[in-house]
Each structure stands twice: as C-alpha cells, then as structure tokens.
C-alpha atoms as a PDB file:
ATOM      1  CA  MET A   1      43.297  70.677 -97.701  1.00  0.00           C
ATOM      2  CA  SER A   2      45.188  68.256 -95.507  1.00  0.00           C
ATOM      3  CA  ALA A   3      44.242  64.630 -94.916  1.00  0.00           C
ATOM      4  CA  ALA A   4      43.026  65.601 -91.436  1.00  0.00           C
ATOM      5  CA  ASP A   5      40.703  68.233 -92.919  1.00  0.00           C
ATOM      6  CA  TRP A   6      39.289  65.771 -95.461  1.00  0.00           C
ATOM      7  CA  SER A   7      38.695  63.375 -92.564  1.00  0.00           C
ATOM      8  CA  ALA A   8      36.789  66.178 -90.797  1.00  0.00           C
ATOM      9  CA  VAL A   9      34.671  66.722 -93.921  1.00  0.00           C
ATOM     10  CA  ARG A  10      33.894  63.014 -94.182  1.00  0.00           C
ATOM     11  CA  LEU A  11      33.011  62.777 -90.491  1.00  0.00           C
ATOM     12  CA  THR A  12      30.796  65.868 -90.720  1.00  0.00           C
ATOM     13  CA  LEU A  13      28.839  64.404 -93.627  1.00  0.00           C
ATOM     14  CA  GLN A  14      28.422  61.118 -91.768  1.00  0.00           C
ATOM     15  CA  LEU A  15      27.237  62.959 -88.665  1.00  0.00           C
ATOM     16  CA  ALA A  16      24.792  65.144 -90.607  1.00  0.00           C
ATOM     17  CA  THR A  17      23.383  62.155 -92.491  1.00  0.00           C
ATOM     18  CA  ALA A  18      22.891  60.012 -89.388  1.00  0.00           C
ATOM     19  CA  SER A  19      21.419  62.912 -87.407  1.00  0.00           C
ATOM     20  CA  THR A  20      19.026  63.920 -90.197  1.00  0.00           C
ATOM     21  CA  LEU A  21      17.683  60.386 -90.565  1.00  0.00           C
ATOM     22  CA  LEU A  22      17.092  60.120 -86.817  1.00  0.00           C
ATOM     23  CA  LEU A  23      15.558  63.592 -86.763  1.00  0.00           C
ATOM     24  CA  LEU A  24      13.039  62.626 -89.437  1.00  0.00           C
ATOM     25  CA  LEU A  25      12.089  59.475 -87.533  1.00  0.00           C
ATOM     26  CA  LEU A  26      11.568  61.397 -84.296  1.00  0.00           C
ATOM     27  CA  ALA A  27      10.381  64.800 -85.500  1.00  0.00           C
ATOM     28  CA  THR A  28       7.744  63.623 -87.986  1.00  0.00           C
ATOM     29  CA  PRO A  29       5.435  61.920 -85.446  1.00  0.00           C
ATOM     30  CA  ALA A  30       6.179  64.735 -82.967  1.00  0.00           C
ATOM     31  CA  ALA A  31       5.131  67.388 -85.487  1.00  0.00           C
ATOM     32  CA  TRP A  32       2.003  65.415 -86.400  1.00  0.00           C
ATOM     33  CA  TRP A  33       1.080  65.057 -82.718  1.00  0.00           C
ATOM     34  CA  LEU A  34       1.606  68.790 -82.146  1.00  0.00           C
ATOM     35  CA  THR A  35      -0.663  69.501 -85.119  1.00  0.00           C
ATOM     36  CA  ARG A  36      -3.490  67.142 -84.194  1.00  0.00           C
ATOM     37  CA  SER A  37      -3.389  66.840 -80.411  1.00  0.00           C
ATOM     38  CA  ARG A  38      -5.672  68.709 -78.039  1.00  0.00           C
ATOM     39  CA  SER A  39      -3.813  67.530 -74.948  1.00  0.00           C
ATOM     40  CA  ARG A  40      -3.112  69.953 -72.126  1.00  0.00           C
ATOM     41  CA  LEU A  41       0.519  68.889 -72.392  1.00  0.00           C
ATOM     42  CA  LYS A  42       0.795  70.315 -75.903  1.00  0.00           C
ATOM     43  CA  PRO A  43       2.148  73.773 -74.868  1.00  0.00           C
ATOM     44  CA  PHE A  44       4.739  72.113 -72.614  1.00  0.00           C
ATOM     45  CA  VAL A  45       5.860  69.661 -75.315  1.00  0.00           C
ATOM     46  CA  ALA A  46       5.997  72.420 -77.938  1.00  0.00           C
ATOM     47  CA  SER A  47       8.101  74.583 -75.604  1.00  0.00           C
ATOM     48  CA  LEU A  48      10.416  71.676 -74.810  1.00  0.00           C
ATOM     49  CA  VAL A  49      10.963  70.938 -78.506  1.00  0.00           C
ATOM     50  CA  THR A  50      11.770  74.569 -79.346  1.00  0.00           C
ATOM     51  CA  LEU A  51      13.911  75.170 -76.239  1.00  0.00           C
ATOM     52  CA  PRO A  52      17.237  74.673 -78.103  1.00  0.00           C
ATOM     53  CA  LEU A  53      16.359  77.725 -80.218  1.00  0.00           C
ATOM     54  CA  VAL A  54      16.715  80.064 -77.234  1.00  0.00           C
ATOM     55  CA  LEU A  55      19.273  78.231 -75.094  1.00  0.00           C
ATOM     56  CA  PRO A  56      22.999  78.796 -75.743  1.00  0.00           C
ATOM     57  CA  PRO A  57      24.439  75.607 -77.280  1.00  0.00           C
ATOM     58  CA  THR A  58      27.040  75.463 -74.510  1.00  0.00           C
ATOM     59  CA  VAL A  59      24.240  75.201 -71.925  1.00  0.00           C
ATOM     60  CA  VAL A  60      22.716  72.283 -73.827  1.00  0.00           C
ATOM     61  CA  GLY A  61      26.156  70.716 -74.132  1.00  0.00           C
ATOM     62  CA  PHE A  62      26.854  71.140 -70.416  1.00  0.00           C
ATOM     63  CA  TYR A  63      23.693  69.343 -69.320  1.00  0.00           C
ATOM     64  CA  LEU A  64      24.206  66.635 -71.918  1.00  0.00           C
ATOM     65  CA  LEU A  65      27.694  66.082 -70.494  1.00  0.00           C
ATOM     66  CA  LEU A  66      26.181  65.635 -67.048  1.00  0.00           C
ATOM     67  CA  LEU A  67      23.475  63.273 -68.310  1.00  0.00           C
ATOM     68  CA  MET A  68      25.665  61.177 -70.608  1.00  0.00           C
ATOM     69  CA  GLY A  69      28.786  61.184 -68.448  1.00  0.00           C
ATOM     70  CA  PRO A  70      29.855  58.177 -66.351  1.00  0.00           C
ATOM     71  CA  HIS A  71      27.833  59.375 -63.341  1.00  0.00           C
ATOM     72  CA  GLY A  72      24.803  60.676 -65.255  1.00  0.00           C
ATOM     73  CA  ALA A  73      21.474  58.908 -65.601  1.00  0.00           C
ATOM     74  CA  VAL A  74      21.963  58.207 -69.318  1.00  0.00           C
ATOM     75  CA  GLY A  75      25.643  57.383 -68.826  1.00  0.00           C
ATOM     76  CA  ARG A  76      24.878  54.699 -66.241  1.00  0.00           C
ATOM     77  CA  VAL A  77      22.360  53.097 -68.606  1.00  0.00           C
ATOM     78  CA  THR A  78      24.728  53.096 -71.604  1.00  0.00           C
ATOM     79  CA  GLN A  79      27.520  51.661 -69.483  1.00  0.00           C
ATOM     80  CA  SER A  80      25.279  48.924 -68.113  1.00  0.00           C
ATOM     81  CA  LEU A  81      24.438  48.024 -71.718  1.00  0.00           C
ATOM     82  CA  GLY A  82      28.145  47.790 -72.563  1.00  0.00           C
ATOM     83  CA  LEU A  83      28.110  50.907 -74.740  1.00  0.00           C
ATOM     84  CA  GLY A  84      30.353  52.970 -72.482  1.00  0.00           C
ATOM     85  CA  ALA A  85      29.953  56.693 -71.854  1.00  0.00           C
ATOM     86  CA  LEU A  86      28.800  58.687 -74.898  1.00  0.00           C
ATOM     87  CA  PRO A  87      30.737  61.968 -74.476  1.00  0.00           C
ATOM     88  CA  PHE A  88      33.734  62.329 -76.826  1.00  0.00           C
ATOM     89  CA  THR A  89      32.415  59.615 -79.139  1.00  0.00           C
ATOM     90  CA  PHE A  90      30.651  59.729 -82.506  1.00  0.00           C
ATOM     91  CA  GLY A  91      27.499  58.318 -80.897  1.00  0.00           C
ATOM     92  CA  GLY A  92      27.498  61.158 -78.397  1.00  0.00           C
ATOM     93  CA  LEU A  93      27.803  63.655 -81.254  1.00  0.00           C
ATOM     94  CA  VAL A  94      24.776  62.117 -82.969  1.00  0.00           C
ATOM     95  CA  VAL A  95      22.654  62.357 -79.806  1.00  0.00           C
ATOM     96  CA  ALA A  96      23.685  65.967 -79.189  1.00  0.00           C
ATOM     97  CA  SER A  97      23.130  66.948 -82.837  1.00  0.00           C
ATOM     98  CA  VAL A  98      19.650  65.417 -82.861  1.00  0.00           C
ATOM     99  CA  LEU A  99      18.623  67.319 -79.729  1.00  0.00           C
ATOM    100  CA  ILE A 100      20.046  70.692 -80.785  1.00  0.00           C
ATOM    101  CA  SER A 101      18.631  70.450 -84.323  1.00  0.00           C
ATOM    102  CA  MET A 102      15.195  69.119 -83.374  1.00  0.00           C
ATOM    103  CA  PRO A 103      13.308  72.464 -83.628  1.00  0.00           C
ATOM    104  CA  PHE A 104      14.758  73.099 -87.090  1.00  0.00           C
ATOM    105  CA  VAL A 105      13.092  69.902 -88.297  1.00  0.00           C
ATOM    106  CA  VAL A 106       9.893  69.932 -86.254  1.00  0.00           C
ATOM    107  CA  GLN A 107       8.873  73.475 -87.210  1.00  0.00           C
ATOM    108  CA  PRO A 108       8.751  73.083 -91.038  1.00  0.00           C
ATOM    109  CA  LEU A 109       7.043  69.705 -90.640  1.00  0.00           C
ATOM    110  CA  LYS A 110       4.420  71.168 -88.324  1.00  0.00           C
ATOM    111  CA  GLN A 111       3.823  74.100 -90.675  1.00  0.00           C
ATOM    112  CA  ALA A 112       3.328  71.664 -93.553  1.00  0.00           C
ATOM    113  CA  PHE A 113       0.900  69.541 -91.528  1.00  0.00           C
ATOM    114  CA  ASP A 114      -0.963  72.652 -90.337  1.00  0.00           C
ATOM    115  CA  ALA A 115      -1.506  73.665 -93.971  1.00  0.00           C
ATOM    116  CA  ILE A 116      -3.355  70.433 -94.824  1.00  0.00           C
ATOM    117  CA  PRO A 117      -7.103  71.201 -94.970  1.00  0.00           C
ATOM    118  CA  GLU A 118      -9.119  69.349 -92.383  1.00  0.00           C
ATOM    119  CA  SER A 119     -11.703  68.582 -95.081  1.00  0.00           C
ATOM    120  CA  VAL A 120      -9.159  66.451 -96.945  1.00  0.00           C
ATOM    121  CA  LEU A 121      -8.514  64.296 -93.889  1.00  0.00           C
ATOM    122  CA  GLU A 122     -12.248  64.065 -93.180  1.00  0.00           C
ATOM    123  CA  ALA A 123     -12.868  62.942 -96.755  1.00  0.00           C
ATOM    124  CA  ALA A 124     -10.230  60.235 -96.374  1.00  0.00           C
ATOM    125  CA  ALA A 125     -11.834  59.135 -93.113  1.00  0.00           C
ATOM    126  CA  SER A 126     -15.239  58.954 -94.799  1.00  0.00           C
ATOM    127  CA  LEU A 127     -13.689  56.537 -97.284  1.00  0.00           C
ATOM    128  CA  ARG A 128     -12.733  54.316 -94.343  1.00  0.00           C
ATOM    129  CA  ALA A 129      -9.080  55.326 -94.286  1.00  0.00           C
ATOM    130  CA  GLY A 130      -7.648  54.616 -90.838  1.00  0.00           C
ATOM    131  CA  PRO A 131      -5.362  56.981 -88.908  1.00  0.00           C
ATOM    132  CA  LEU A 132      -2.208  55.403 -90.333  1.00  0.00           C
ATOM    133  CA  ASP A 133      -3.612  55.469 -93.875  1.00  0.00           C
ATOM    134  CA  ARG A 134      -4.521  59.153 -93.504  1.00  0.00           C
ATOM    135  CA  PHE A 135      -1.033  59.904 -92.211  1.00  0.00           C
ATOM    136  CA  PHE A 136       1.041  57.955 -94.743  1.00  0.00           C
ATOM    137  CA  CYS A 137      -1.202  58.197 -97.821  1.00  0.00           C
ATOM    138  CA  VAL A 138      -2.631  61.715 -97.395  1.00  0.00           C
ATOM    139  CA  ALA A 139      -0.663  63.847 -94.955  1.00  0.00           C
ATOM    140  CA  MET A 140       2.870  62.785 -95.887  1.00  0.00           C
ATOM    141  CA  PRO A 141       2.492  63.295 -99.669  1.00  0.00           C
ATOM    142  CA  MET A 142       0.831  66.683 -99.122  1.00  0.00           C
ATOM    143  CA  ALA A 143       3.635  67.732 -96.754  1.00  0.00           C
ATOM    144  CA  ARG A 144       6.482  66.822 -99.114  1.00  0.00           C
ATOM    145  CA  SER A 145       7.762  70.404 -99.425  1.00  0.00           C
ATOM    146  CA  GLY A 146       7.839  70.701 -95.642  1.00  0.00           C
ATOM    147  CA  ILE A 147       9.688  67.398 -95.404  1.00  0.00           C
ATOM    148  CA  LEU A 148      12.290  68.612 -97.897  1.00  0.00           C
ATOM    149  CA  SER A 149      12.687  71.865 -95.958  1.00  0.00           C
ATOM    150  CA  ALA A 150      13.096  69.896 -92.735  1.00  0.00           C
ATOM    151  CA  VAL A 151      15.787  67.712 -94.306  1.00  0.00           C
ATOM    152  CA  VAL A 152      17.715  70.726 -95.626  1.00  0.00           C
ATOM    153  CA  LEU A 153      17.491  72.669 -92.362  1.00  0.00           C
ATOM    154  CA  GLY A 154      18.340  69.676 -90.179  1.00  0.00           C
ATOM    155  CA  PHE A 155      21.311  68.663 -92.331  1.00  0.00           C
ATOM    156  CA  ALA A 156      22.641  72.212 -92.665  1.00  0.00           C
ATOM    157  CA  HIS A 157      22.275  73.005 -88.979  1.00  0.00           C
ATOM    158  CA  THR A 158      24.115  69.826 -88.016  1.00  0.00           C
ATOM    159  CA  VAL A 159      26.964  70.668 -90.387  1.00  0.00           C
ATOM    160  CA  GLY A 160      27.311  74.185 -88.967  1.00  0.00           C
ATOM    161  CA  GLU A 161      26.859  73.427 -85.259  1.00  0.00           C
ATOM    162  CA  PHE A 162      29.873  74.222 -83.078  1.00  0.00           C
ATOM    163  CA  GLY A 163      29.032  74.810 -79.406  1.00  0.00           C
ATOM    164  CA  VAL A 164      27.382  71.501 -78.582  1.00  0.00           C
ATOM    165  CA  VAL A 165      29.786  69.590 -80.811  1.00  0.00           C
ATOM    166  CA  LEU A 166      32.827  71.002 -79.009  1.00  0.00           C
ATOM    167  CA  MET A 167      31.315  70.400 -75.560  1.00  0.00           C
ATOM    168  CA  ILE A 168      30.244  66.809 -76.237  1.00  0.00           C
ATOM    169  CA  GLY A 169      32.782  65.665 -78.818  1.00  0.00           C
ATOM    170  CA  GLY A 170      35.896  67.660 -78.121  1.00  0.00           C
ATOM    171  CA  ASN A 171      38.553  67.323 -80.814  1.00  0.00           C
ATOM    172  CA  VAL A 172      39.339  63.652 -81.324  1.00  0.00           C
ATOM    173  CA  PRO A 173      40.792  63.036 -84.844  1.00  0.00           C
ATOM    174  CA  ASP A 174      38.708  60.686 -87.015  1.00  0.00           C
ATOM    175  CA  GLN A 175      36.083  60.402 -84.263  1.00  0.00           C
ATOM    176  CA  THR A 176      34.721  63.812 -83.262  1.00  0.00           C
ATOM    177  CA  ARG A 177      36.821  66.377 -85.176  1.00  0.00           C
ATOM    178  CA  VAL A 178      34.209  67.828 -87.531  1.00  0.00           C
ATOM    179  CA  ILE A 179      34.534  70.819 -89.878  1.00  0.00           C
ATOM    180  CA  SER A 180      33.512  73.496 -87.365  1.00  0.00           C
ATOM    181  CA  VAL A 181      36.033  72.209 -84.814  1.00  0.00           C
ATOM    182  CA  ALA A 182      38.762  71.910 -87.465  1.00  0.00           C
ATOM    183  CA  LEU A 183      38.125  75.518 -88.525  1.00  0.00           C
ATOM    184  CA  TYR A 184      38.377  76.690 -84.925  1.00  0.00           C
ATOM    185  CA  GLU A 185      41.613  74.735 -84.518  1.00  0.00           C
ATOM    186  CA  HIS A 186      43.154  76.350 -87.633  1.00  0.00           C
ATOM    187  CA  VAL A 187      42.232  79.847 -86.448  1.00  0.00           C
ATOM    188  CA  GLU A 188      43.692  79.191 -83.000  1.00  0.00           C
ATOM    189  CA  ALA A 189      46.930  77.978 -84.601  1.00  0.00           C
ATOM    190  CA  GLY A 190      47.102  81.003 -86.915  1.00  0.00           C
ATOM    191  CA  ASP A 191      46.796  78.788 -90.000  1.00  0.00           C
ATOM    192  CA  LEU A 192      44.593  81.197 -91.927  1.00  0.00           C
ATOM    193  CA  VAL A 193      45.070  79.559 -95.346  1.00  0.00           C
ATOM    194  CA  ASP A 194      43.445  76.278 -94.305  1.00  0.00           C
ATOM    195  CA  ALA A 195      40.928  78.221 -92.222  1.00  0.00           C
ATOM    196  CA  HIS A 196      39.915  80.183 -95.339  1.00  0.00           C
ATOM    197  CA  ARG A 197      39.447  76.962 -97.298  1.00  0.00           C
ATOM    198  CA  LEU A 198      37.169  75.396 -94.712  1.00  0.00           C
ATOM    199  CA  ALA A 199      35.274  78.646 -94.158  1.00  0.00           C
ATOM    200  CA  ALA A 200      34.753  79.132 -97.908  1.00  0.00           C
ATOM    201  CA  ALA A 201      33.481  75.563 -98.211  1.00  0.00           C
ATOM    202  CA  MET A 202      31.019  76.233 -95.379  1.00  0.00           C
ATOM    203  CA  VAL A 203      29.821  79.449 -97.044  1.00  0.00           C
ATOM    204  CA  LEU A 204      29.297  77.631-100.344  1.00  0.00           C
ATOM    205  CA  PHE A 205      27.448  74.783 -98.634  1.00  0.00           C
ATOM    206  CA  SER A 206      25.224  77.222 -96.719  1.00  0.00           C
ATOM    207  CA  LEU A 207      24.381  79.076 -99.935  1.00  0.00           C
ATOM    208  CA  ILE A 208      23.428  75.833-101.690  1.00  0.00           C
ATOM    209  CA  ALA A 209      21.306  74.820 -98.686  1.00  0.00           C
ATOM    210  CA  LEU A 210      19.463  78.160 -98.734  1.00  0.00           C
ATOM    211  CA  ILE A 211      18.816  77.901-102.479  1.00  0.00           C
ATOM    212  CA  ALA A 212      17.407  74.391-101.978  1.00  0.00           C
ATOM    213  CA  LEU A 213      15.264  75.688 -99.117  1.00  0.00           C
ATOM    214  CA  HIS A 214      13.830  78.535-101.201  1.00  0.00           C
ATOM    215  CA  CYS A 215      13.167  76.175-104.121  1.00  0.00           C
ATOM    216  CA  SER A 216      11.288  73.756-101.862  1.00  0.00           C
ATOM    217  CA  SER A 217       9.263  76.619-100.381  1.00  0.00           C
ATOM    218  CA  ARG A 218       8.327  77.882-103.845  1.00  0.00           C
ATOM    219  CA  GLU A 219       7.347  74.359-104.897  1.00  0.00           C
ATOM    220  CA  GLY A 220       5.140  74.112-101.839  1.00  0.00           C
ATOM    221  CA  ARG A 221       3.409  77.399-102.621  1.00  0.00           C
ATOM    222  CA  ASN A 222       2.871  76.419-106.244  1.00  0.00           C
ATOM    223  CA  GLY A 223       1.507  73.036-105.209  1.00  0.00           C
ATOM    224  CA  ALA A 224      -0.958  74.715-102.864  1.00  0.00           C
ATOM    225  CA  LYS A 225      -2.515  76.760-105.643  1.00  0.00           C
ATOM    226  CA  PRO A 226      -5.825  75.430-107.000  1.00  0.00           C
END
C-alpha cells in the first residue's frame, strides 16, 4: 500500500479508538438509565438513541453539517470557544462517529444490564451499598461480556462507516481521509489493485471482529450458568 493508504489506516484506528472511548463514557450511563428508569421520557430517549439504525447515514451527516457548520447552533458555539467549525476536521469526524455508532454500543450494554437479576442488586442494597457502589462493584463486573461486545461493535462500526464520514469529513489527506474514503477514491480512479488491498484488509478486520463478538457472547452465556 502507498504512504497515503497507510496514513488512512492510522487515521482510521485513531478515529475508532477515540470514538469508542467516548462511546463507552456516554453509552454506559445511558444504557443503565434505560434499564433502571421508569420515566415517561424513556420511550422517547430509547427511540432517539436507536434512530441512527434506521436513518440513512447521509441524512445524519446532512443535519450534522447544518448543526456544526459556521451558521449552525453547534458551529457558533465552537467558533465562540475558538475551536472553529467542526466539519472537515478530525474532531468533527469523532462527533459524527459517536452519534452514528451510539446504538451499536448502547444496545449490548442495555442487554447486559437487563440480564442482571434484580435480587442481586437488592442484596447489595441490603448490605448498605449505595447506587454508585451497586453500579461499579456489582453491575459493571456482571456486564463485562456486554461491555466487550459494545467495544467490538462500536470500534468495528466506526472503522467501516462511510456515509457520515464522507459528508462530515470529506477527503482531506492526513486529517479526514480514512480507509472507507480511501477505498472509494481508489475505485473511482480505477485503481483496483489498491482497492483490493484495502477491501481485503477490511474483510479480514470484520471477520476478526465477528469472531471476538461471538467469543464474548459465548463467555457471557457460560458465565450466566449456575
């Protein structure tokens, strides 16, 4: 592969790593709230979180461009803070990747939290464990397989995303040119040799991600057995 393609690989890994870390920070409390809350807003929040699953990525990208552009609500805030407009920057890619991948992280976390018996949490509460203690010392260890699944799905989805990435990031070398965009560029130029290399690398990565996902699911099932 060319130096530009290796740069795209490096940038993609950086993007996926940063997005996955932010996703875990945001999706974990969201999934816990969706599991435990009895609020009337719960159906609305759950629908909002899963909306990227049914919306075309280009639609998400379009509205993010409007919001984060120079005249958008988010864009005006970032510019007033001296950060500039986010579209066509690495920061903009991270924001877009977090939003489009959110349901892929929230869902396995919520399923893992849903599987925790209420009696276990009640027993911890009877031993004077506070809400934070029950969350960090009981729920999180018991949901480890779901956390691993969330990490794999969030990372893999960020690596493979194309529509939102192209809308928000464009094709700026060493800044927003990730693997999916580089592959598209090679196909457009008729450079099928380099396109095959990137596509084969993506297939191999996806296969490894699926194997890791199945292994984590099997570990979770085995751990749930008495």
